[in-house]
Amino acid sequence: AMNYLLGQLEALGYLERRNDAEDLRSKRIYLTARGEAARTV
């Protein structure tokens, strides 16, 4: 369910998934500029 929401928000430009430097099998989630703007609101 979380990955579904992450996929939606990523497609809408609110976040991005980046490779995890500690575990290349995993991703880490970061807000984009659009996500930061939404957080401000």
PDB file of all heavy atoms in Angstrom:
ATOM      1  N   ALA A   1       0.834  -1.203   0.000  1.00  0.00           N
ATOM      2  CA  ALA A   1       0.000   0.000   0.000  1.00  0.00           C
ATOM      3  C   ALA A   1       0.868   1.252   0.000  1.00  0.00           C
ATOM      4  O   ALA A   1       0.579   2.219  -0.713  1.00  0.00           O
ATOM      5  CB  ALA A   1      -0.948  -0.008   1.194  1.00  0.00           C
ATOM      6  N   MET A   2       1.935   1.231   0.795  1.00  0.00           N
ATOM      7  CA  MET A   2       2.827   2.386   0.835  1.00  0.00           C
ATOM      8  C   MET A   2       3.497   2.581  -0.526  1.00  0.00           C
ATOM      9  O   MET A   2       3.591   3.707  -1.018  1.00  0.00           O
ATOM     10  CB  MET A   2       3.882   2.215   1.929  1.00  0.00           C
ATOM     11  CG  MET A   2       4.897   3.355   1.992  1.00  0.00           C
ATOM     12  SD  MET A   2       4.183   5.020   2.180  1.00  0.00           S
ATOM     13  CE  MET A   2       3.549   4.948   3.853  1.00  0.00           C
ATOM     14  N   ASN A   3       3.961   1.511  -1.134  1.00  0.00           N
ATOM     15  CA  ASN A   3       4.607   1.634  -2.440  1.00  0.00           C
ATOM     16  C   ASN A   3       3.644   2.155  -3.494  1.00  0.00           C
ATOM     17  O   ASN A   3       4.050   2.888  -4.401  1.00  0.00           O
ATOM     18  CB  ASN A   3       5.240   0.314  -2.860  1.00  0.00           C
ATOM     19  CG  ASN A   3       6.629   0.157  -2.286  1.00  0.00           C
ATOM     20  OD1 ASN A   3       7.449   1.065  -2.367  1.00  0.00           O
ATOM     21  ND2 ASN A   3       6.900  -0.980  -1.676  1.00  0.00           N
ATOM     22  N   TYR A   4       2.364   1.821  -3.377  1.00  0.00           N
ATOM     23  CA  TYR A   4       1.352   2.359  -4.294  1.00  0.00           C
ATOM     24  C   TYR A   4       1.273   3.880  -4.140  1.00  0.00           C
ATOM     25  O   TYR A   4       1.291   4.620  -5.134  1.00  0.00           O
ATOM     26  CB  TYR A   4       0.001   1.705  -4.017  1.00  0.00           C
ATOM     27  CG  TYR A   4      -1.109   2.210  -4.894  1.00  0.00           C
ATOM     28  CD1 TYR A   4      -1.221   1.777  -6.215  1.00  0.00           C
ATOM     29  CD2 TYR A   4      -2.038   3.120  -4.414  1.00  0.00           C
ATOM     30  CE1 TYR A   4      -2.238   2.259  -7.033  1.00  0.00           C
ATOM     31  CE2 TYR A   4      -3.049   3.600  -5.220  1.00  0.00           C
ATOM     32  CZ  TYR A   4      -3.147   3.158  -6.532  1.00  0.00           C
ATOM     33  OH  TYR A   4      -4.156   3.636  -7.333  1.00  0.00           O
ATOM     34  N   LEU A   5       1.201   4.356  -2.898  1.00  0.00           N
ATOM     35  CA  LEU A   5       1.148   5.800  -2.648  1.00  0.00           C
ATOM     36  C   LEU A   5       2.428   6.485  -3.111  1.00  0.00           C
ATOM     37  O   LEU A   5       2.383   7.571  -3.706  1.00  0.00           O
ATOM     38  CB  LEU A   5       0.923   6.080  -1.159  1.00  0.00           C
ATOM     39  CG  LEU A   5      -0.433   5.686  -0.587  1.00  0.00           C
ATOM     40  CD1 LEU A   5      -0.449   5.902   0.926  1.00  0.00           C
ATOM     41  CD2 LEU A   5      -1.559   6.442  -1.263  1.00  0.00           C
ATOM     42  N   LEU A   6       3.566   5.865  -2.840  1.00  0.00           N
ATOM     43  CA  LEU A   6       4.844   6.436  -3.273  1.00  0.00           C
ATOM     44  C   LEU A   6       4.891   6.539  -4.793  1.00  0.00           C
ATOM     45  O   LEU A   6       5.367   7.548  -5.340  1.00  0.00           O
ATOM     46  CB  LEU A   6       6.015   5.602  -2.751  1.00  0.00           C
ATOM     47  CG  LEU A   6       6.235   5.628  -1.241  1.00  0.00           C
ATOM     48  CD1 LEU A   6       7.307   4.620  -0.837  1.00  0.00           C
ATOM     49  CD2 LEU A   6       6.569   7.017  -0.754  1.00  0.00           C
ATOM     50  N   GLY A   7       4.400   5.513  -5.477  1.00  0.00           N
ATOM     51  CA  GLY A   7       4.370   5.547  -6.936  1.00  0.00           C
ATOM     52  C   GLY A   7       3.509   6.685  -7.456  1.00  0.00           C
ATOM     53  O   GLY A   7       3.887   7.372  -8.421  1.00  0.00           O
ATOM     54  N   GLN A   8       2.357   6.890  -6.819  1.00  0.00           N
ATOM     55  CA  GLN A   8       1.486   8.001  -7.219  1.00  0.00           C
ATOM     56  C   GLN A   8       2.187   9.340  -7.017  1.00  0.00           C
ATOM     57  O   GLN A   8       2.215  10.182  -7.920  1.00  0.00           O
ATOM     58  CB  GLN A   8       0.187   7.986  -6.413  1.00  0.00           C
ATOM     59  CG  GLN A   8      -0.771   6.908  -6.797  1.00  0.00           C
ATOM     60  CD  GLN A   8      -2.052   6.982  -5.979  1.00  0.00           C
ATOM     61  OE1 GLN A   8      -2.049   7.403  -4.818  1.00  0.00           O
ATOM     62  NE2 GLN A   8      -3.157   6.582  -6.588  1.00  0.00           N
ATOM     63  N   LEU A   9       2.743   9.545  -5.833  1.00  0.00           N
ATOM     64  CA  LEU A   9       3.387  10.820  -5.522  1.00  0.00           C
ATOM     65  C   LEU A   9       4.637  11.054  -6.375  1.00  0.00           C
ATOM     66  O   LEU A   9       4.933  12.187  -6.737  1.00  0.00           O
ATOM     67  CB  LEU A   9       3.712  10.901  -4.028  1.00  0.00           C
ATOM     68  CG  LEU A   9       2.496  11.061  -3.114  1.00  0.00           C
ATOM     69  CD1 LEU A   9       2.873  10.864  -1.656  1.00  0.00           C
ATOM     70  CD2 LEU A   9       1.833  12.410  -3.324  1.00  0.00           C
ATOM     71  N   GLU A  10       5.327   9.977  -6.708  1.00  0.00           N
ATOM     72  CA  GLU A  10       6.488  10.107  -7.585  1.00  0.00           C
ATOM     73  C   GLU A  10       6.040  10.521  -8.989  1.00  0.00           C
ATOM     74  O   GLU A  10       6.615  11.436  -9.590  1.00  0.00           O
ATOM     75  CB  GLU A  10       7.259   8.794  -7.634  1.00  0.00           C
ATOM     76  CG  GLU A  10       8.562   8.870  -8.405  1.00  0.00           C
ATOM     77  CD  GLU A  10       9.353   7.590  -8.313  1.00  0.00           C
ATOM     78  OE1 GLU A  10       8.748   6.489  -8.268  1.00  0.00           O
ATOM     79  OE2 GLU A  10      10.595   7.681  -8.289  1.00  0.00           O
ATOM     80  N   ALA A  11       4.996   9.885  -9.496  1.00  0.00           N
ATOM     81  CA  ALA A  11       4.479  10.228 -10.830  1.00  0.00           C
ATOM     82  C   ALA A  11       3.961  11.668 -10.874  1.00  0.00           C
ATOM     83  O   ALA A  11       4.049  12.329 -11.919  1.00  0.00           O
ATOM     84  CB  ALA A  11       3.378   9.255 -11.230  1.00  0.00           C
ATOM     85  N   LEU A  12       3.454  12.159  -9.751  1.00  0.00           N
ATOM     86  CA  LEU A  12       2.935  13.530  -9.684  1.00  0.00           C
ATOM     87  C   LEU A  12       4.035  14.559  -9.410  1.00  0.00           C
ATOM     88  O   LEU A  12       3.772  15.759  -9.393  1.00  0.00           O
ATOM     89  CB  LEU A  12       1.857  13.625  -8.590  1.00  0.00           C
ATOM     90  CG  LEU A  12       0.587  12.808  -8.861  1.00  0.00           C
ATOM     91  CD1 LEU A  12      -0.280  12.738  -7.604  1.00  0.00           C
ATOM     92  CD2 LEU A  12      -0.190  13.402 -10.030  1.00  0.00           C
ATOM     93  N   GLY A  13       5.249  14.088  -9.166  1.00  0.00           N
ATOM     94  CA  GLY A  13       6.383  14.990  -8.990  1.00  0.00           C
ATOM     95  C   GLY A  13       6.626  15.477  -7.582  1.00  0.00           C
ATOM     96  O   GLY A  13       7.377  16.436  -7.378  1.00  0.00           O
ATOM     97  N   TYR A  14       6.050  14.808  -6.575  1.00  0.00           N
ATOM     98  CA  TYR A  14       6.217  15.238  -5.192  1.00  0.00           C
ATOM     99  C   TYR A  14       7.433  14.618  -4.512  1.00  0.00           C
ATOM    100  O   TYR A  14       7.925  15.146  -3.525  1.00  0.00           O
ATOM    101  CB  TYR A  14       4.974  14.908  -4.363  1.00  0.00           C
ATOM    102  CG  TYR A  14       3.785  15.761  -4.719  1.00  0.00           C
ATOM    103  CD1 TYR A  14       2.838  15.323  -5.641  1.00  0.00           C
ATOM    104  CD2 TYR A  14       3.616  17.015  -4.151  1.00  0.00           C
ATOM    105  CE1 TYR A  14       1.748  16.102  -5.980  1.00  0.00           C
ATOM    106  CE2 TYR A  14       2.530  17.806  -4.477  1.00  0.00           C
ATOM    107  CZ  TYR A  14       1.603  17.342  -5.397  1.00  0.00           C
ATOM    108  OH  TYR A  14       0.526  18.128  -5.732  1.00  0.00           O
ATOM    109  N   LEU A  15       7.874  13.488  -5.001  1.00  0.00           N
ATOM    110  CA  LEU A  15       9.001  12.819  -4.371  1.00  0.00           C
ATOM    111  C   LEU A  15       9.786  12.039  -5.403  1.00  0.00           C
ATOM    112  O   LEU A  15       9.347  11.850  -6.540  1.00  0.00           O
ATOM    113  CB  LEU A  15       8.538  11.913  -3.224  1.00  0.00           C
ATOM    114  CG  LEU A  15       7.562  10.776  -3.541  1.00  0.00           C
ATOM    115  CD1 LEU A  15       8.289   9.543  -4.049  1.00  0.00           C
ATOM    116  CD2 LEU A  15       6.760  10.442  -2.302  1.00  0.00           C
ATOM    117  N   GLU A  16      10.953  11.602  -4.957  1.00  0.00           N
ATOM    118  CA  GLU A  16      11.769  10.736  -5.801  1.00  0.00           C
ATOM    119  C   GLU A  16      12.355   9.633  -4.944  1.00  0.00           C
ATOM    120  O   GLU A  16      12.566   9.795  -3.738  1.00  0.00           O
ATOM    121  CB  GLU A  16      12.871  11.527  -6.508  1.00  0.00           C
ATOM    122  CG  GLU A  16      13.857  12.202  -5.588  1.00  0.00           C
ATOM    123  CD  GLU A  16      14.857  13.074  -6.335  1.00  0.00           C
ATOM    124  OE1 GLU A  16      14.726  13.238  -7.558  1.00  0.00           O
ATOM    125  OE2 GLU A  16      15.771  13.590  -5.671  1.00  0.00           O
ATOM    126  N   ARG A  17      12.585   8.504  -5.585  1.00  0.00           N
ATOM    127  CA  ARG A  17      13.234   7.372  -4.932  1.00  0.00           C
ATOM    128  C   ARG A  17      14.683   7.346  -5.415  1.00  0.00           C
ATOM    129  O   ARG A  17      14.931   7.381  -6.608  1.00  0.00           O
ATOM    130  CB  ARG A  17      12.546   6.070  -5.291  1.00  0.00           C
ATOM    131  CG  ARG A  17      11.091   6.013  -4.905  1.00  0.00           C
ATOM    132  CD  ARG A  17      10.495   4.699  -5.338  1.00  0.00           C
ATOM    133  NE  ARG A  17       9.130   4.882  -5.787  1.00  0.00           N
ATOM    134  CZ  ARG A  17       8.173   3.993  -5.608  1.00  0.00           C
ATOM    135  NH1 ARG A  17       8.418   2.862  -5.021  1.00  0.00           N
ATOM    136  NH2 ARG A  17       6.956   4.243  -6.046  1.00  0.00           N
ATOM    137  N   ARG A  18      15.588   7.292  -4.454  1.00  0.00           N
ATOM    138  CA  ARG A  18      17.010   7.239  -4.786  1.00  0.00           C
ATOM    139  C   ARG A  18      17.594   5.936  -4.240  1.00  0.00           C
ATOM    140  O   ARG A  18      17.128   5.419  -3.225  1.00  0.00           O
ATOM    141  CB  ARG A  18      17.766   8.410  -4.156  1.00  0.00           C
ATOM    142  CG  ARG A  18      17.313   9.763  -4.638  1.00  0.00           C
ATOM    143  CD  ARG A  18      18.141  10.841  -3.965  1.00  0.00           C
ATOM    144  NE  ARG A  18      17.505  12.143  -4.087  1.00  0.00           N
ATOM    145  CZ  ARG A  18      17.783  13.183  -3.316  1.00  0.00           C
ATOM    146  NH1 ARG A  18      18.691  13.074  -2.354  1.00  0.00           N
ATOM    147  NH2 ARG A  18      17.164  14.335  -3.493  1.00  0.00           N
ATOM    148  N   ASN A  19      18.625   5.451  -4.906  1.00  0.00           N
ATOM    149  CA  ASN A  19      19.310   4.259  -4.429  1.00  0.00           C
ATOM    150  C   ASN A  19      19.848   4.495  -3.028  1.00  0.00           C
ATOM    151  O   ASN A  19      20.331   5.585  -2.711  1.00  0.00           O
ATOM    152  CB  ASN A  19      20.451   3.868  -5.370  1.00  0.00           C
ATOM    153  CG  ASN A  19      19.939   3.330  -6.681  1.00  0.00           C
ATOM    154  OD1 ASN A  19      18.864   2.740  -6.757  1.00  0.00           O
ATOM    155  ND2 ASN A  19      20.715   3.515  -7.728  1.00  0.00           N
ATOM    156  N   ASP A  20      19.777   3.467  -2.215  1.00  0.00           N
ATOM    157  CA  ASP A  20      20.300   3.499  -0.855  1.00  0.00           C
ATOM    158  C   ASP A  20      21.779   3.140  -0.914  1.00  0.00           C
ATOM    159  O   ASP A  20      22.138   2.039  -1.344  1.00  0.00           O
ATOM    160  CB  ASP A  20      19.529   2.504   0.008  1.00  0.00           C
ATOM    161  CG  ASP A  20      19.924   2.531   1.466  1.00  0.00           C
ATOM    162  OD1 ASP A  20      21.014   3.036   1.789  1.00  0.00           O
ATOM    163  OD2 ASP A  20      19.123   2.049   2.278  1.00  0.00           O
ATOM    164  N   ALA A  21      22.634   4.054  -0.518  1.00  0.00           N
ATOM    165  CA  ALA A  21      24.079   3.815  -0.565  1.00  0.00           C
ATOM    166  C   ALA A  21      24.500   2.658   0.343  1.00  0.00           C
ATOM    167  O   ALA A  21      25.498   1.986   0.078  1.00  0.00           O
ATOM    168  CB  ALA A  21      24.833   5.089  -0.182  1.00  0.00           C
ATOM    169  N   GLU A  22      23.728   2.396   1.400  1.00  0.00           N
ATOM    170  CA  GLU A  22      24.056   1.329   2.344  1.00  0.00           C
ATOM    171  C   GLU A  22      23.568  -0.034   1.874  1.00  0.00           C
ATOM    172  O   GLU A  22      24.103  -1.062   2.284  1.00  0.00           O
ATOM    173  CB  GLU A  22      23.443   1.634   3.711  1.00  0.00           C
ATOM    174  CG  GLU A  22      23.976   2.895   4.347  1.00  0.00           C
ATOM    175  CD  GLU A  22      23.195   3.282   5.596  1.00  0.00           C
ATOM    176  OE1 GLU A  22      22.435   2.446   6.119  1.00  0.00           O
ATOM    177  OE2 GLU A  22      23.349   4.428   6.038  1.00  0.00           O
ATOM    178  N   ASP A  23      22.520  -0.047   1.047  1.00  0.00           N
ATOM    179  CA  ASP A  23      21.920  -1.300   0.576  1.00  0.00           C
ATOM    180  C   ASP A  23      21.382  -1.059  -0.824  1.00  0.00           C
ATOM    181  O   ASP A  23      20.300  -0.497  -0.992  1.00  0.00           O
ATOM    182  CB  ASP A  23      20.799  -1.726   1.528  1.00  0.00           C
ATOM    183  CG  ASP A  23      20.144  -3.036   1.117  1.00  0.00           C
ATOM    184  OD1 ASP A  23      20.493  -3.585   0.052  1.00  0.00           O
ATOM    185  OD2 ASP A  23      19.270  -3.502   1.869  1.00  0.00           O
ATOM    186  N   LEU A  24      22.132  -1.487  -1.817  1.00  0.00           N
ATOM    187  CA  LEU A  24      21.767  -1.195  -3.206  1.00  0.00           C
ATOM    188  C   LEU A  24      20.466  -1.858  -3.644  1.00  0.00           C
ATOM    189  O   LEU A  24      19.913  -1.508  -4.681  1.00  0.00           O
ATOM    190  CB  LEU A  24      22.914  -1.599  -4.140  1.00  0.00           C
ATOM    191  CG  LEU A  24      24.211  -0.807  -3.920  1.00  0.00           C
ATOM    192  CD1 LEU A  24      25.303  -1.276  -4.864  1.00  0.00           C
ATOM    193  CD2 LEU A  24      23.970   0.680  -4.076  1.00  0.00           C
ATOM    194  N   ARG A  25      19.942  -2.791  -2.851  1.00  0.00           N
ATOM    195  CA  ARG A  25      18.654  -3.404  -3.171  1.00  0.00           C
ATOM    196  C   ARG A  25      17.494  -2.509  -2.751  1.00  0.00           C
ATOM    197  O   ARG A  25      16.364  -2.730  -3.142  1.00  0.00           O
ATOM    198  CB  ARG A  25      18.505  -4.753  -2.459  1.00  0.00           C
ATOM    199  CG  ARG A  25      19.557  -5.778  -2.847  1.00  0.00           C
ATOM    200  CD  ARG A  25      19.512  -6.949  -1.894  1.00  0.00           C
ATOM    201  NE  ARG A  25      19.843  -6.466  -0.542  1.00  0.00           N
ATOM    202  CZ  ARG A  25      19.589  -7.131   0.571  1.00  0.00           C
ATOM    203  NH1 ARG A  25      19.002  -8.303   0.535  1.00  0.00           N
ATOM    204  NH2 ARG A  25      19.911  -6.627   1.748  1.00  0.00           N
ATOM    205  N   SER A  26      17.777  -1.513  -1.962  1.00  0.00           N
ATOM    206  CA  SER A  26      16.737  -0.675  -1.377  1.00  0.00           C
ATOM    207  C   SER A  26      16.781   0.746  -1.929  1.00  0.00           C
ATOM    208  O   SER A  26      17.766   1.172  -2.504  1.00  0.00           O
ATOM    209  CB  SER A  26      16.914  -0.646   0.143  1.00  0.00           C
ATOM    210  OG  SER A  26      15.831  -0.017   0.765  1.00  0.00           O
ATOM    211  N   LYS A  27      15.676   1.457  -1.737  1.00  0.00           N
ATOM    212  CA  LYS A  27      15.569   2.869  -2.129  1.00  0.00           C
ATOM    213  C   LYS A  27      15.304   3.699  -0.894  1.00  0.00           C
ATOM    214  O   LYS A  27      14.824   3.217   0.128  1.00  0.00           O
ATOM    215  CB  LYS A  27      14.401   3.068  -3.111  1.00  0.00           C
ATOM    216  CG  LYS A  27      14.508   2.272  -4.391  1.00  0.00           C
ATOM    217  CD  LYS A  27      15.479   2.896  -5.324  1.00  0.00           C
ATOM    218  CE  LYS A  27      15.458   2.157  -6.664  1.00  0.00           C
ATOM    219  NZ  LYS A  27      16.485   2.619  -7.555  1.00  0.00           N
ATOM    220  N   ARG A  28      15.607   4.970  -1.005  1.00  0.00           N
ATOM    221  CA  ARG A  28      15.261   5.948   0.025  1.00  0.00           C
ATOM    222  C   ARG A  28      14.416   7.023  -0.634  1.00  0.00           C
ATOM    223  O   ARG A  28      14.590   7.326  -1.814  1.00  0.00           O
ATOM    224  CB  ARG A  28      16.510   6.534   0.671  1.00  0.00           C
ATOM    225  CG  ARG A  28      17.260   5.473   1.484  1.00  0.00           C
ATOM    226  CD  ARG A  28      18.165   6.107   2.502  1.00  0.00           C
ATOM    227  NE  ARG A  28      18.844   5.103   3.287  1.00  0.00           N
ATOM    228  CZ  ARG A  28      18.496   4.777   4.530  1.00  0.00           C
ATOM    229  NH1 ARG A  28      17.490   5.370   5.114  1.00  0.00           N
ATOM    230  NH2 ARG A  28      19.177   3.864   5.197  1.00  0.00           N
ATOM    231  N   ILE A  29      13.516   7.607   0.139  1.00  0.00           N
ATOM    232  CA  ILE A  29      12.530   8.546  -0.379  1.00  0.00           C
ATOM    233  C   ILE A  29      12.913   9.969   0.005  1.00  0.00           C
ATOM    234  O   ILE A  29      13.226  10.246   1.168  1.00  0.00           O
ATOM    235  CB  ILE A  29      11.119   8.229   0.172  1.00  0.00           C
ATOM    236  CG1 ILE A  29      10.776   6.748  -0.016  1.00  0.00           C
ATOM    237  CG2 ILE A  29      10.079   9.140  -0.442  1.00  0.00           C
ATOM    238  CD1 ILE A  29      10.837   6.263  -1.439  1.00  0.00           C
ATOM    239  N   TYR A  30      12.826  10.884  -0.979  1.00  0.00           N
ATOM    240  CA  TYR A  30      13.125  12.304  -0.765  1.00  0.00           C
ATOM    241  C   TYR A  30      12.064  13.149  -1.461  1.00  0.00           C
ATOM    242  O   TYR A  30      11.628  12.820  -2.569  1.00  0.00           O
ATOM    243  CB  TYR A  30      14.504  12.656  -1.334  1.00  0.00           C
ATOM    244  CG  TYR A  30      15.620  11.934  -0.644  1.00  0.00           C
ATOM    245  CD1 TYR A  30      16.061  10.700  -1.110  1.00  0.00           C
ATOM    246  CD2 TYR A  30      16.227  12.477   0.487  1.00  0.00           C
ATOM    247  CE1 TYR A  30      17.089  10.023  -0.459  1.00  0.00           C
ATOM    248  CE2 TYR A  30      17.252  11.801   1.140  1.00  0.00           C
ATOM    249  CZ  TYR A  30      17.676  10.567   0.655  1.00  0.00           C
ATOM    250  OH  TYR A  30      18.678   9.904   1.302  1.00  0.00           O
ATOM    251  N   LEU A  31      11.676  14.239  -0.815  1.00  0.00           N
ATOM    252  CA  LEU A  31      10.755  15.179  -1.443  1.00  0.00           C
ATOM    253  C   LEU A  31      11.476  15.965  -2.531  1.00  0.00           C
ATOM    254  O   LEU A  31      12.643  16.314  -2.385  1.00  0.00           O
ATOM    255  CB  LEU A  31      10.180  16.147  -0.405  1.00  0.00           C
ATOM    256  CG  LEU A  31       9.253  15.564   0.654  1.00  0.00           C
ATOM    257  CD1 LEU A  31       8.815  16.658   1.619  1.00  0.00           C
ATOM    258  CD2 LEU A  31       8.047  14.882   0.034  1.00  0.00           C
ATOM    259  N   THR A  32      10.756  16.260  -3.590  1.00  0.00           N
ATOM    260  CA  THR A  32      11.248  17.144  -4.644  1.00  0.00           C
ATOM    261  C   THR A  32      10.901  18.581  -4.254  1.00  0.00           C
ATOM    262  O   THR A  32      10.286  18.822  -3.206  1.00  0.00           O
ATOM    263  CB  THR A  32      10.575  16.818  -5.982  1.00  0.00           C
ATOM    264  OG1 THR A  32       9.164  17.047  -5.821  1.00  0.00           O
ATOM    265  CG2 THR A  32      10.834  15.378  -6.419  1.00  0.00           C
ATOM    266  N   ALA A  33      11.237  19.526  -5.107  1.00  0.00           N
ATOM    267  CA  ALA A  33      10.864  20.924  -4.851  1.00  0.00           C
ATOM    268  C   ALA A  33       9.351  21.053  -4.739  1.00  0.00           C
ATOM    269  O   ALA A  33       8.835  21.795  -3.897  1.00  0.00           O
ATOM    270  CB  ALA A  33      11.416  21.823  -5.957  1.00  0.00           C
ATOM    271  N   ARG A  34       8.625  20.318  -5.589  1.00  0.00           N
ATOM    272  CA  ARG A  34       7.149  20.341  -5.514  1.00  0.00           C
ATOM    273  C   ARG A  34       6.674  19.771  -4.176  1.00  0.00           C
ATOM    274  O   ARG A  34       5.752  20.302  -3.558  1.00  0.00           O
ATOM    275  CB  ARG A  34       6.558  19.564  -6.680  1.00  0.00           C
ATOM    276  CG  ARG A  34       5.043  19.541  -6.728  1.00  0.00           C
ATOM    277  CD  ARG A  34       4.574  18.890  -8.044  1.00  0.00           C
ATOM    278  NE  ARG A  34       3.144  18.673  -8.089  1.00  0.00           N
ATOM    279  CZ  ARG A  34       2.235  19.600  -8.354  1.00  0.00           C
ATOM    280  NH1 ARG A  34       2.622  20.831  -8.611  1.00  0.00           N
ATOM    281  NH2 ARG A  34       0.948  19.295  -8.384  1.00  0.00           N
ATOM    282  N   GLY A  35       7.304  18.707  -3.719  1.00  0.00           N
ATOM    283  CA  GLY A  35       6.954  18.129  -2.423  1.00  0.00           C
ATOM    284  C   GLY A  35       7.251  19.071  -1.277  1.00  0.00           C
ATOM    285  O   GLY A  35       6.471  19.182  -0.322  1.00  0.00           O
ATOM    286  N   GLU A  36       8.375  19.770  -1.355  1.00  0.00           N
ATOM    287  CA  GLU A  36       8.716  20.753  -0.324  1.00  0.00           C
ATOM    288  C   GLU A  36       7.709  21.900  -0.313  1.00  0.00           C
ATOM    289  O   GLU A  36       7.328  22.389   0.752  1.00  0.00           O
ATOM    290  CB  GLU A  36      10.131  21.299  -0.542  1.00  0.00           C
ATOM    291  CG  GLU A  36      11.229  20.296  -0.269  1.00  0.00           C
ATOM    292  CD  GLU A  36      11.403  19.953   1.204  1.00  0.00           C
ATOM    293  OE1 GLU A  36      10.812  20.628   2.069  1.00  0.00           O
ATOM    294  OE2 GLU A  36      12.141  18.998   1.485  1.00  0.00           O
ATOM    295  N   ALA A  37       7.266  22.318  -1.504  1.00  0.00           N
ATOM    296  CA  ALA A  37       6.262  23.386  -1.584  1.00  0.00           C
ATOM    297  C   ALA A  37       4.952  22.927  -0.948  1.00  0.00           C
ATOM    298  O   ALA A  37       4.300  23.696  -0.226  1.00  0.00           O
ATOM    299  CB  ALA A  37       6.054  23.804  -3.037  1.00  0.00           C
ATOM    300  N   ALA A  38       4.577  21.678  -1.185  1.00  0.00           N
ATOM    301  CA  ALA A  38       3.360  21.145  -0.562  1.00  0.00           C
ATOM    302  C   ALA A  38       3.526  21.082   0.949  1.00  0.00           C
ATOM    303  O   ALA A  38       2.602  21.431   1.697  1.00  0.00           O
ATOM    304  CB  ALA A  38       3.039  19.766  -1.129  1.00  0.00           C
ATOM    305  N   ARG A  39       4.701  20.663   1.412  1.00  0.00           N
ATOM    306  CA  ARG A  39       4.944  20.604   2.858  1.00  0.00           C
ATOM    307  C   ARG A  39       4.821  21.993   3.475  1.00  0.00           C
ATOM    308  O   ARG A  39       4.277  22.150   4.577  1.00  0.00           O
ATOM    309  CB  ARG A  39       6.317  20.006   3.161  1.00  0.00           C
ATOM    310  CG  ARG A  39       6.596  20.025   4.645  1.00  0.00           C
ATOM    311  CD  ARG A  39       7.743  19.241   5.158  1.00  0.00           C
ATOM    312  NE  ARG A  39       8.940  19.165   4.381  1.00  0.00           N
ATOM    313  CZ  ARG A  39       9.873  18.243   4.605  1.00  0.00           C
ATOM    314  NH1 ARG A  39       9.707  17.344   5.551  1.00  0.00           N
ATOM    315  NH2 ARG A  39      10.968  18.225   3.882  1.00  0.00           N
ATOM    316  N   THR A  40       5.298  23.021   2.793  1.00  0.00           N
ATOM    317  CA  THR A  40       5.185  24.393   3.282  1.00  0.00           C
ATOM    318  C   THR A  40       3.722  24.787   3.445  1.00  0.00           C
ATOM    319  O   THR A  40       3.335  25.383   4.460  1.00  0.00           O
ATOM    320  CB  THR A  40       5.913  25.361   2.330  1.00  0.00           C
ATOM    321  OG1 THR A  40       7.302  25.007   2.305  1.00  0.00           O
ATOM    322  CG2 THR A  40       5.768  26.802   2.767  1.00  0.00           C
ATOM    323  N   VAL A  41       2.892  24.441   2.467  1.00  0.00           N
ATOM    324  CA  VAL A  41       1.453  24.732   2.543  1.00  0.00           C
ATOM    325  C   VAL A  41       0.825  23.957   3.694  1.00  0.00           C
ATOM    326  O   VAL A  41       0.011  24.504   4.458  1.00  0.00           O
ATOM    327  CB  VAL A  41       0.755  24.420   1.211  1.00  0.00           C
ATOM    328  CG1 VAL A  41      -0.765  24.479   1.349  1.00  0.00           C
ATOM    329  CG2 VAL A  41       1.237  25.358   0.116  1.00  0.00           C
TER     330      VAL A  41
END
